[in-house]
Protein backbone atom coordinates (compact mmCIF):
# COMPACT_ATOMS: atom_id res chain seq x y z
CA UNK A 1 -66.64 97.22 201.59
CA UNK A 2 -65.67 93.77 200.28
CA UNK A 3 -65.47 95.15 196.77
CA UNK A 4 -63.15 97.93 197.95
CA UNK A 5 -60.80 95.44 199.60
CA UNK A 6 -60.61 93.26 196.49
CA UNK A 7 -59.97 96.26 194.24
CA UNK A 8 -57.30 97.58 196.60
CA UNK A 9 -55.48 94.23 196.59
CA UNK A 10 -55.61 94.08 192.80
CA UNK A 11 -54.18 97.59 192.51
CA UNK A 12 -51.30 96.65 194.82
CA UNK A 13 -50.58 93.54 192.73
CA UNK A 14 -50.51 95.55 189.51
CA UNK A 15 -48.20 98.17 191.02
CA UNK A 16 -45.87 95.44 192.29
CA UNK A 17 -45.73 93.77 188.88
CA UNK A 18 -45.13 97.10 187.20
CA UNK A 19 -41.97 97.65 189.21
CA UNK A 20 -40.70 94.07 188.92
CA UNK A 21 -37.43 93.90 187.01
CA UNK A 22 -36.09 91.16 184.80
CA UNK A 23 -32.96 89.73 186.44
CA UNK A 24 -29.65 90.35 184.68
CA UNK A 25 -28.22 87.02 185.81
CA UNK A 26 -29.45 83.47 186.26
CA UNK A 27 -27.69 81.31 188.84
CA UNK A 28 -27.24 77.61 189.54
CA UNK A 29 -25.42 76.32 192.62
CA UNK A 30 -23.73 72.92 192.57
CA UNK A 31 -21.99 71.15 195.46
CA UNK A 32 -20.77 72.23 198.88
CA UNK A 33 -17.44 73.63 199.96
CA UNK A 34 -15.46 76.78 199.27
CA UNK A 35 -17.37 79.21 197.03
CA UNK A 36 -16.28 79.60 193.41
CA UNK A 37 -18.06 81.88 190.95
CA UNK A 38 -17.97 80.61 187.35
CA UNK A 39 -18.53 83.25 184.67
CA UNK A 40 -18.99 82.24 181.01
CA UNK A 41 -18.14 84.17 177.87
CA UNK A 42 -20.43 86.12 175.56
CA UNK A 43 -23.56 84.11 174.51
CA UNK A 44 -22.27 81.10 176.49
CA UNK A 45 -24.43 79.39 179.15
CA UNK A 46 -23.16 78.93 182.69
CA UNK A 47 -23.56 75.19 182.24
CA UNK A 48 -20.41 75.23 180.08
CA UNK A 49 -18.46 74.95 183.35
CA UNK A 50 -20.07 71.67 184.50
CA UNK A 51 -17.38 69.56 182.83
CA UNK A 52 -14.74 71.62 184.62
CA UNK A 53 -16.51 71.21 187.96
CA UNK A 54 -16.75 67.45 187.46
CA UNK A 55 -12.96 67.31 187.18
CA UNK A 56 -12.15 69.42 190.25
CA UNK A 57 -10.50 67.55 193.10
CA UNK A 58 -11.26 70.21 195.70
CA UNK A 59 -14.77 70.36 197.15
CA UNK A 60 -16.44 73.54 195.98
CA UNK A 61 -19.74 75.35 196.12
CA UNK A 62 -19.90 76.26 192.44
CA UNK A 63 -22.04 79.24 191.45
CA UNK A 64 -22.75 79.03 187.72
CA UNK A 65 -23.85 82.29 186.12
CA UNK A 66 -25.78 82.87 182.90
CA UNK A 67 -26.58 86.28 181.43
CA UNK A 68 -29.83 88.01 180.49
CA UNK A 69 -30.64 87.83 176.79
CA UNK A 70 -28.74 84.60 176.20
CA UNK A 71 -29.71 80.89 176.39
CA UNK A 72 -33.45 81.67 176.53
CA UNK A 73 -33.02 84.09 179.46
CA UNK A 74 -35.22 87.20 179.09
CA UNK A 75 -33.37 90.34 177.91
CA UNK A 76 -32.86 93.50 179.96
CA UNK A 77 -32.51 97.17 179.09
CA UNK A 78 -29.14 98.68 178.29
CA UNK A 79 -26.52 99.23 179.62
CA UNK A 80 -26.21 95.47 179.74
CA UNK A 81 -22.70 94.83 181.10
CA UNK A 82 -22.97 97.41 183.89
CA UNK A 83 -26.27 95.93 185.07
CA UNK A 84 -24.83 92.41 185.10
CA UNK A 85 -21.87 93.62 187.17
CA UNK A 86 -24.20 95.42 189.61
CA UNK A 87 -26.36 92.34 190.13
CA UNK A 88 -23.33 90.08 190.58
CA UNK A 89 -22.04 92.38 193.33
CA UNK A 90 -25.46 92.26 194.99
CA UNK A 91 -25.53 88.47 194.63
CA UNK A 92 -22.09 88.04 196.22
CA UNK A 93 -23.06 90.26 199.14
CA UNK A 94 -26.49 88.67 199.59
CA UNK A 95 -25.02 85.16 199.64
CA UNK A 96 -22.14 86.33 201.88
CA UNK A 97 -19.56 84.65 199.65
CA UNK A 98 -16.35 85.24 201.61
CA UNK A 99 -12.85 84.32 200.38
CA UNK A 100 -14.35 84.03 196.93
CA UNK A 101 -12.57 82.59 193.91
CA UNK A 102 -13.75 83.57 190.44
CA UNK A 103 -13.16 81.69 187.20
CA UNK A 104 -14.05 83.59 184.04
CA UNK A 105 -13.71 83.01 180.31
CA UNK A 106 -13.50 85.89 177.82
CA UNK A 107 -16.19 88.38 178.90
CA UNK A 108 -16.45 86.40 182.14
CA UNK A 109 -12.76 87.10 182.71
CA UNK A 110 -13.42 90.82 182.29
CA UNK A 111 -16.18 90.67 184.89
CA UNK A 112 -13.87 88.70 187.21
CA UNK A 113 -11.33 91.53 187.09
CA UNK A 114 -14.06 94.13 187.56
CA UNK A 115 -15.44 92.32 190.63
CA UNK A 116 -11.97 91.79 192.10
CA UNK A 117 -11.29 95.52 191.82
CA UNK A 118 -14.68 96.39 193.32
CA UNK A 119 -14.56 93.82 196.15
CA UNK A 120 -10.89 93.42 197.11
CA UNK A 121 -11.72 92.16 200.61
CA UNK A 122 -14.04 89.47 199.24
CA UNK A 123 -12.42 88.18 196.04
CA UNK A 124 -9.16 86.43 196.92
CA UNK A 125 -8.31 84.60 193.68
CA UNK A 126 -9.24 84.96 190.03
CA UNK A 127 -8.51 82.69 187.09
CA UNK A 128 -8.95 84.36 183.71
CA UNK A 129 -9.18 82.45 180.43
CA UNK A 130 -8.77 84.27 177.09
CA UNK A 131 -9.74 87.69 178.44
CA UNK A 132 -7.92 90.96 177.88
CA UNK A 133 -8.62 94.25 179.72
CA UNK A 134 -9.46 96.28 176.60
CA UNK A 135 -10.71 94.31 173.60
CA UNK A 136 -11.26 97.52 171.65
CA UNK A 137 -7.54 98.33 171.70
CA UNK A 138 -6.78 95.05 169.94
CA UNK A 139 -9.56 95.32 167.40
CA UNK A 140 -9.53 99.09 166.81
CA UNK A 141 -6.23 100.53 168.08
CA UNK A 142 -6.44 104.16 169.10
CA UNK A 143 -10.25 104.42 168.93
CA UNK A 144 -11.61 106.06 172.11
CA UNK A 145 -14.63 104.64 173.91
CA UNK A 146 -16.56 107.84 173.10
CA UNK A 147 -16.75 106.68 169.49
CA UNK A 148 -18.36 103.36 170.44
CA UNK A 149 -22.12 103.89 170.50
CA UNK A 150 -25.26 101.77 170.30
CA UNK A 151 -26.68 103.80 167.41
CA UNK A 152 -24.25 103.08 164.58
CA UNK A 153 -24.70 101.97 160.94
CA UNK A 154 -23.09 98.62 161.73
CA UNK A 155 -25.41 97.92 164.66
CA UNK A 156 -28.45 98.96 162.61
CA UNK A 157 -27.35 96.57 159.89
CA UNK A 158 -26.96 93.72 162.38
CA UNK A 159 -30.38 94.36 163.89
CA UNK A 160 -32.04 94.51 160.47
CA UNK A 161 -30.50 91.28 159.12
CA UNK A 162 -32.86 88.57 157.96
CA UNK A 163 -32.54 85.27 159.83
CA UNK A 164 -30.63 83.47 157.08
CA UNK A 165 -28.16 86.33 156.66
CA UNK A 166 -27.67 86.52 160.42
CA UNK A 167 -27.08 82.76 160.54
CA UNK A 168 -24.36 83.10 157.89
CA UNK A 169 -22.74 85.82 159.99
CA UNK A 170 -23.00 83.65 163.10
CA UNK A 171 -21.42 80.75 161.25
CA UNK A 172 -18.41 82.86 160.26
CA UNK A 173 -18.05 84.08 163.84
CA UNK A 174 -18.27 80.58 165.29
CA UNK A 175 -15.72 79.12 162.87
CA UNK A 176 -13.20 81.72 164.06
CA UNK A 177 -13.87 81.03 167.73
CA UNK A 178 -12.71 77.41 168.00
CA UNK A 179 -10.29 74.95 166.47
CA UNK A 180 -12.58 72.07 167.45
CA UNK A 181 -14.81 71.47 164.45
CA UNK A 182 -17.51 69.55 166.30
CA UNK A 183 -18.08 72.55 168.61
CA UNK A 184 -18.89 75.00 165.80
CA UNK A 185 -22.57 74.05 165.58
CA UNK A 186 -22.96 74.56 169.33
CA UNK A 187 -21.46 78.04 169.11
CA UNK A 188 -23.74 78.90 166.18
CA UNK A 189 -26.78 77.75 168.14
CA UNK A 190 -25.85 79.90 171.15
CA UNK A 191 -25.59 82.96 168.90
CA UNK A 192 -28.89 82.24 167.14
CA UNK A 193 -30.67 81.71 170.48
CA UNK A 194 -29.50 85.10 171.75
CA UNK A 195 -31.81 88.07 171.89
CA UNK A 196 -30.68 90.11 168.87
CA UNK A 197 -30.46 93.46 170.67
CA UNK A 198 -28.53 91.89 173.54
CA UNK A 199 -26.14 90.30 171.06
CA UNK A 200 -25.55 93.59 169.22
CA UNK A 201 -25.67 96.14 172.05
CA UNK A 202 -24.04 93.82 174.60
CA UNK A 203 -21.05 93.47 172.31
CA UNK A 204 -20.99 97.27 172.04
CA UNK A 205 -20.73 97.41 175.84
CA UNK A 206 -17.70 95.10 175.69
CA UNK A 207 -16.03 97.24 173.03
CA UNK A 208 -16.44 100.29 175.27
CA UNK A 209 -14.96 98.46 178.26
CA UNK A 210 -11.43 99.34 179.37
CA UNK A 211 -10.30 97.77 182.64
CA UNK A 212 -6.67 98.90 182.44
CA UNK A 213 -7.16 101.92 184.77
CA UNK A 214 -8.51 99.72 187.59
CA UNK A 215 -5.96 96.88 187.48
CA UNK A 216 -4.00 98.46 190.33
CA UNK A 217 -7.08 97.95 192.55
CA UNK A 218 -6.99 94.17 192.09
CA UNK A 219 -5.36 92.50 195.09
CA UNK A 220 -6.58 88.98 194.36
CA UNK A 221 -4.07 86.33 193.38
CA UNK A 222 -4.42 86.16 189.60
CA UNK A 223 -3.72 83.49 186.98
CA UNK A 224 -4.17 84.37 183.29
CA UNK A 225 -4.52 81.67 180.64
CA UNK A 226 -4.49 82.71 177.00
CA UNK A 227 -4.48 81.06 173.61
CA UNK A 228 -1.27 81.48 171.63
CA UNK A 229 -3.04 83.15 168.71
CA UNK A 230 -2.04 84.37 166.17
CA UNK A 231 1.37 83.42 167.64
CA UNK A 232 2.82 82.88 171.10
CA UNK A 233 4.99 86.00 170.81
CA UNK A 234 2.13 88.30 169.78
CA UNK A 235 -0.28 86.90 172.37
CA UNK A 236 2.31 87.18 175.16
CA UNK A 237 3.10 90.77 174.17
CA UNK A 238 -0.58 91.77 174.17
CA UNK A 239 -1.26 90.24 177.57
CA UNK A 240 1.83 91.77 179.15
CA UNK A 241 1.17 95.20 177.66
CA UNK A 242 -2.48 95.37 178.71
CA UNK A 243 -2.06 93.82 182.16
CA UNK A 244 0.43 96.41 183.36
CA UNK A 245 -0.80 96.97 186.92
CA UNK A 246 0.70 100.43 187.37
CA UNK A 247 -2.15 101.78 185.24
CA UNK A 248 -0.01 102.90 182.31
CA UNK A 249 -0.87 101.84 178.78
């Protein structure tokens, strides 16, 4: 009888472990006060916001988010972006974060818009930095999301790259992402630390993303900050065109 009990317990443990899922987000909470969710960009750790938090005059309960597959966090199965969004919604509800403000950079800005549209009674303010509703439209004008797939020659090439070749690619990417030279090595390191499939397929998820149809669901007070690149006129035109809240394109 004792043997049966021990075996039964072991079976239950194995079953439980079999159904355990790798989390899509990693969280760190700093301070006390009004809740603010801080969402980083692609490959960027949530800790990037600590300097910002240190300079805030208002007392906040800062929720710093990092994503699966980046910064030594275990990867998850695809779809990556959709799973992150789902877990963030669950996190907000579980923590009962009322009158929530969200600050998001790049991909984090996209998620901020997505969450504000999904939770209009919860998210009251969003601050978006260098994020545009449909990145694909800027990079590949006129290409529908149906043509953006995981299984493509480009993605296969990226996955098959040797480490040195991938590092060269990461270096080129990083050099185009900042004007601050001493930050380039940090950006390169974040890319190299990323799980390769997450880096490749996660970016595919972002290319498929088009938030323009749901902008009219966002009721949160919104501030958009964007770099004046390649010129102020072009950047301003792109932001105004894509952030048309009546849903037209």
